[in-house]
């Protein structure tokens, strides 16, 4: 079964690749420019309560790249995904398309989250309290809403095909 991306999906794929490349270059550059110790955890008031070696920046870059490429590879094997509905000949193509659309969005959101994590660690002094308190929760909420929407969409597709 073949999947054809829409223009908006191609745009999201390209944005994710650009953000991934920028995050990698930015992370590597900031690794060389940062002090040996960086903030790595913040309490609910936005205060630093834990520090780590700057090698954590390299770890974040590596995890970001690994996730991106694993998700890209997984997109080539949609029949192995877990679906909230039973896959059959009647619904397979549309459900595979739905999961690939979800994955395109997840890759974009994750690359943005990892960029934010690196920025937060290496440029903590310029991060505002609002950004520190609200932005991580907003990004995770967007990720959860996106996943929830596509799960609902899978059930809706199944309902419409009956």
C-alpha atoms as a PDB file:
ATOM      1  CA  UNK A   1       0.000   0.000   0.000  1.00  0.00           C
ATOM      2  CA  UNK A   2       1.297   3.380  -0.960  1.00  0.00           C
ATOM      3  CA  UNK A   3       0.810   6.667   0.873  1.00  0.00           C
ATOM      4  CA  UNK A   4       0.800  10.041  -0.856  1.00  0.00           C
ATOM      5  CA  UNK A   5       1.495  13.046   1.353  1.00  0.00           C
ATOM      6  CA  UNK A   6      -0.559  16.215   1.132  1.00  0.00           C
ATOM      7  CA  UNK A   7       1.140  19.578   0.628  1.00  0.00           C
ATOM      8  CA  UNK A   8       0.654  20.446   4.300  1.00  0.00           C
ATOM      9  CA  UNK A   9       2.255  17.151   5.342  1.00  0.00           C
ATOM     10  CA  UNK A  10       5.199  17.779   3.045  1.00  0.00           C
ATOM     11  CA  UNK A  11       5.537  21.215   4.621  1.00  0.00           C
ATOM     12  CA  UNK A  12       5.488  19.659   8.122  1.00  0.00           C
ATOM     13  CA  UNK A  13       8.060  17.049   7.074  1.00  0.00           C
ATOM     14  CA  UNK A  14      10.342  19.767   5.706  1.00  0.00           C
ATOM     15  CA  UNK A  15       9.857  21.910   8.810  1.00  0.00           C
ATOM     16  CA  UNK A  16      10.750  18.940  11.017  1.00  0.00           C
ATOM     17  CA  UNK A  17      13.908  18.269   9.004  1.00  0.00           C
ATOM     18  CA  UNK A  18      14.938  21.937   9.171  1.00  0.00           C
ATOM     19  CA  UNK A  19      14.270  22.092  12.926  1.00  0.00           C
ATOM     20  CA  UNK A  20      16.109  18.786  13.427  1.00  0.00           C
ATOM     21  CA  UNK A  21      19.129  20.072  11.503  1.00  0.00           C
ATOM     22  CA  UNK A  22      19.038  23.399  13.349  1.00  0.00           C
ATOM     23  CA  UNK A  23      18.702  21.657  16.721  1.00  0.00           C
ATOM     24  CA  UNK A  24      21.670  19.426  15.928  1.00  0.00           C
ATOM     25  CA  UNK A  25      23.909  22.294  14.798  1.00  0.00           C
ATOM     26  CA  UNK A  26      22.726  24.549  17.644  1.00  0.00           C
ATOM     27  CA  UNK A  27      23.242  21.792  20.224  1.00  0.00           C
ATOM     28  CA  UNK A  28      26.741  20.975  18.973  1.00  0.00           C
ATOM     29  CA  UNK A  29      27.695  24.649  18.825  1.00  0.00           C
ATOM     30  CA  UNK A  30      26.296  25.385  22.284  1.00  0.00           C
ATOM     31  CA  UNK A  31      28.075  22.324  23.659  1.00  0.00           C
ATOM     32  CA  UNK A  32      31.396  23.878  22.656  1.00  0.00           C
ATOM     33  CA  UNK A  33      30.412  27.304  24.046  1.00  0.00           C
ATOM     34  CA  UNK A  34      28.764  26.259  27.324  1.00  0.00           C
ATOM     35  CA  UNK A  35      30.270  25.952  30.779  1.00  0.00           C
ATOM     36  CA  UNK A  36      30.970  22.421  32.040  1.00  0.00           C
ATOM     37  CA  UNK A  37      27.812  22.437  34.174  1.00  0.00           C
ATOM     38  CA  UNK A  38      24.323  23.367  32.956  1.00  0.00           C
ATOM     39  CA  UNK A  39      20.902  23.526  34.614  1.00  0.00           C
ATOM     40  CA  UNK A  40      19.092  20.249  34.005  1.00  0.00           C
ATOM     41  CA  UNK A  41      15.990  20.390  36.186  1.00  0.00           C
ATOM     42  CA  UNK A  42      13.669  23.154  37.302  1.00  0.00           C
ATOM     43  CA  UNK A  43      11.118  23.143  40.112  1.00  0.00           C
ATOM     44  CA  UNK A  44       7.557  24.405  39.686  1.00  0.00           C
ATOM     45  CA  UNK A  45       8.654  27.952  40.526  1.00  0.00           C
ATOM     46  CA  UNK A  46      11.112  27.852  37.635  1.00  0.00           C
ATOM     47  CA  UNK A  47      14.176  27.711  39.854  1.00  0.00           C
ATOM     48  CA  UNK A  48      17.085  25.470  38.958  1.00  0.00           C
ATOM     49  CA  UNK A  49      17.242  22.579  41.405  1.00  0.00           C
ATOM     50  CA  UNK A  50      19.663  20.287  39.585  1.00  0.00           C
ATOM     51  CA  UNK A  51      22.717  20.656  37.376  1.00  0.00           C
ATOM     52  CA  UNK A  52      24.327  18.229  34.928  1.00  0.00           C
ATOM     53  CA  UNK A  53      27.402  17.980  32.786  1.00  0.00           C
ATOM     54  CA  UNK A  54      27.174  19.764  29.463  1.00  0.00           C
ATOM     55  CA  UNK A  55      27.395  16.353  27.782  1.00  0.00           C
ATOM     56  CA  UNK A  56      23.640  16.163  28.432  1.00  0.00           C
ATOM     57  CA  UNK A  57      23.286  18.530  25.462  1.00  0.00           C
ATOM     58  CA  UNK A  58      24.944  15.897  23.253  1.00  0.00           C
ATOM     59  CA  UNK A  59      22.660  13.252  24.735  1.00  0.00           C
ATOM     60  CA  UNK A  60      19.572  15.347  23.920  1.00  0.00           C
ATOM     61  CA  UNK A  61      20.811  15.895  20.356  1.00  0.00           C
ATOM     62  CA  UNK A  62      21.433  12.156  19.990  1.00  0.00           C
ATOM     63  CA  UNK A  63      18.039  11.165  21.371  1.00  0.00           C
ATOM     64  CA  UNK A  64      16.339  13.683  19.082  1.00  0.00           C
ATOM     65  CA  UNK A  65      18.105  12.266  16.017  1.00  0.00           C
ATOM     66  CA  UNK A  66      17.433   8.681  17.081  1.00  0.00           C
ATOM     67  CA  UNK A  67      13.721   9.322  17.669  1.00  0.00           C
ATOM     68  CA  UNK A  68      13.351  11.127  14.366  1.00  0.00           C
ATOM     69  CA  UNK A  69      14.987   8.359  12.343  1.00  0.00           C
ATOM     70  CA  UNK A  70      13.230   5.552  14.220  1.00  0.00           C
ATOM     71  CA  UNK A  71       9.868   7.231  13.624  1.00  0.00           C
ATOM     72  CA  UNK A  72      10.768   7.745   9.963  1.00  0.00           C
ATOM     73  CA  UNK A  73      11.666   4.076   9.592  1.00  0.00           C
ATOM     74  CA  UNK A  74       8.518   2.980  11.431  1.00  0.00           C
ATOM     75  CA  UNK A  75       6.419   5.009   8.981  1.00  0.00           C
ATOM     76  CA  UNK A  76       7.529   2.619   6.248  1.00  0.00           C
ATOM     77  CA  UNK A  77       5.950  -0.286   8.175  1.00  0.00           C
ATOM     78  CA  UNK A  78       2.426   0.898   9.127  1.00  0.00           C
ATOM     79  CA  UNK A  79       1.039  -2.634   9.260  1.00  0.00           C
ATOM     80  CA  UNK A  80       3.102  -3.276  12.428  1.00  0.00           C
ATOM     81  CA  UNK A  81       1.662  -0.352  14.390  1.00  0.00           C
ATOM     82  CA  UNK A  82      -0.818  -0.743  17.205  1.00  0.00           C
ATOM     83  CA  UNK A  83      -4.227   0.483  16.127  1.00  0.00           C
ATOM     84  CA  UNK A  84      -7.258   1.188  18.300  1.00  0.00           C
ATOM     85  CA  UNK A  85      -9.403  -0.673  15.763  1.00  0.00           C
ATOM     86  CA  UNK A  86      -9.062  -4.025  14.019  1.00  0.00           C
ATOM     87  CA  UNK A  87      -7.346  -3.686  10.640  1.00  0.00           C
ATOM     88  CA  UNK A  88      -8.904  -5.490   7.686  1.00  0.00           C
ATOM     89  CA  UNK A  89      -8.834  -5.177   3.902  1.00  0.00           C
ATOM     90  CA  UNK A  90     -11.649  -2.615   3.955  1.00  0.00           C
ATOM     91  CA  UNK A  91     -10.020  -0.156   6.366  1.00  0.00           C
ATOM     92  CA  UNK A  92      -6.290  -0.898   6.053  1.00  0.00           C
ATOM     93  CA  UNK A  93      -5.289   1.838   3.620  1.00  0.00           C
ATOM     94  CA  UNK A  94      -7.229   4.639   5.322  1.00  0.00           C
ATOM     95  CA  UNK A  95      -6.026   3.570   8.791  1.00  0.00           C
ATOM     96  CA  UNK A  96      -2.424   3.363   7.550  1.00  0.00           C
ATOM     97  CA  UNK A  97      -2.793   6.858   6.070  1.00  0.00           C
ATOM     98  CA  UNK A  98      -4.195   8.117   9.369  1.00  0.00           C
ATOM     99  CA  UNK A  99      -1.290   6.744  11.416  1.00  0.00           C
ATOM    100  CA  UNK A 100       1.277   8.161   8.995  1.00  0.00           C
ATOM    101  CA  UNK A 101      -0.400  11.580   9.247  1.00  0.00           C
ATOM    102  CA  UNK A 102      -0.153  11.313  13.030  1.00  0.00           C
ATOM    103  CA  UNK A 103       3.484  10.375  12.817  1.00  0.00           C
ATOM    104  CA  UNK A 104       4.357  13.365  10.606  1.00  0.00           C
ATOM    105  CA  UNK A 105       2.885  15.650  13.260  1.00  0.00           C
ATOM    106  CA  UNK A 106       4.549  13.828  16.156  1.00  0.00           C
ATOM    107  CA  UNK A 107       7.974  14.158  14.521  1.00  0.00           C
ATOM    108  CA  UNK A 108       7.474  17.901  14.108  1.00  0.00           C
ATOM    109  CA  UNK A 109       6.280  18.375  17.693  1.00  0.00           C
ATOM    110  CA  UNK A 110       9.101  16.265  19.134  1.00  0.00           C
ATOM    111  CA  UNK A 111      11.799  18.146  17.212  1.00  0.00           C
ATOM    112  CA  UNK A 112      10.390  21.427  18.569  1.00  0.00           C
ATOM    113  CA  UNK A 113      10.334  20.036  22.124  1.00  0.00           C
ATOM    114  CA  UNK A 114      13.968  18.932  21.887  1.00  0.00           C
ATOM    115  CA  UNK A 115      15.006  22.316  20.490  1.00  0.00           C
ATOM    116  CA  UNK A 116      13.292  23.959  23.451  1.00  0.00           C
ATOM    117  CA  UNK A 117      15.056  21.628  25.902  1.00  0.00           C
ATOM    118  CA  UNK A 118      18.480  22.510  24.548  1.00  0.00           C
ATOM    119  CA  UNK A 119      17.673  26.213  24.442  1.00  0.00           C
ATOM    120  CA  UNK A 120      16.408  26.088  28.014  1.00  0.00           C
ATOM    121  CA  UNK A 121      19.573  24.410  29.275  1.00  0.00           C
ATOM    122  CA  UNK A 122      22.150  26.534  27.485  1.00  0.00           C
ATOM    123  CA  UNK A 123      20.419  29.909  27.623  1.00  0.00           C
ATOM    124  CA  UNK A 124      18.670  29.717  30.975  1.00  0.00           C
ATOM    125  CA  UNK A 125      19.488  33.307  31.972  1.00  0.00           C
ATOM    126  CA  UNK A 126      17.439  34.733  29.099  1.00  0.00           C
ATOM    127  CA  UNK A 127      14.448  32.430  29.501  1.00  0.00           C
ATOM    128  CA  UNK A 128      11.485  34.263  30.986  1.00  0.00           C
ATOM    129  CA  UNK A 129       9.461  32.857  33.858  1.00  0.00           C
ATOM    130  CA  UNK A 130       6.422  32.466  31.599  1.00  0.00           C
ATOM    131  CA  UNK A 131       8.404  30.470  29.044  1.00  0.00           C
ATOM    132  CA  UNK A 132       9.806  28.270  31.766  1.00  0.00           C
ATOM    133  CA  UNK A 133       6.481  27.644  33.478  1.00  0.00           C
ATOM    134  CA  UNK A 134       4.089  27.402  30.548  1.00  0.00           C
ATOM    135  CA  UNK A 135       5.907  26.357  27.397  1.00  0.00           C
ATOM    136  CA  UNK A 136       6.847  22.768  28.358  1.00  0.00           C
ATOM    137  CA  UNK A 137       3.282  22.052  29.454  1.00  0.00           C
ATOM    138  CA  UNK A 138       1.826  23.643  26.316  1.00  0.00           C
ATOM    139  CA  UNK A 139       4.078  21.566  24.052  1.00  0.00           C
ATOM    140  CA  UNK A 140       3.260  18.322  25.846  1.00  0.00           C
ATOM    141  CA  UNK A 141      -0.430  19.244  25.791  1.00  0.00           C
ATOM    142  CA  UNK A 142      -0.227  19.815  22.024  1.00  0.00           C
ATOM    143  CA  UNK A 143       1.406  16.397  21.640  1.00  0.00           C
ATOM    144  CA  UNK A 144      -1.304  14.707  23.722  1.00  0.00           C
ATOM    145  CA  UNK A 145      -4.129  16.517  21.912  1.00  0.00           C
ATOM    146  CA  UNK A 146      -2.642  15.485  18.562  1.00  0.00           C
ATOM    147  CA  UNK A 147      -2.420  11.828  19.586  1.00  0.00           C
ATOM    148  CA  UNK A 148      -5.932  11.906  21.057  1.00  0.00           C
ATOM    149  CA  UNK A 149      -7.319  13.444  17.868  1.00  0.00           C
ATOM    150  CA  UNK A 150      -5.814  10.740  15.673  1.00  0.00           C
ATOM    151  CA  UNK A 151      -7.063   7.964  17.958  1.00  0.00           C
ATOM    152  CA  UNK A 152     -10.543   9.493  17.771  1.00  0.00           C
ATOM    153  CA  UNK A 153     -10.136   9.783  14.002  1.00  0.00           C
ATOM    154  CA  UNK A 154      -9.281   6.050  13.759  1.00  0.00           C
ATOM    155  CA  UNK A 155     -12.538   5.191  15.549  1.00  0.00           C
ATOM    156  CA  UNK A 156     -14.454   7.667  13.381  1.00  0.00           C
ATOM    157  CA  UNK A 157     -13.041   6.122  10.209  1.00  0.00           C
ATOM    158  CA  UNK A 158     -14.123   2.705  11.433  1.00  0.00           C
ATOM    159  CA  UNK A 159     -17.613   3.994  12.239  1.00  0.00           C
ATOM    160  CA  UNK A 160     -18.001   5.584   8.780  1.00  0.00           C
ATOM    161  CA  UNK A 161     -16.849   2.431   6.977  1.00  0.00           C
ATOM    162  CA  UNK A 162     -19.545   0.283   8.612  1.00  0.00           C
END
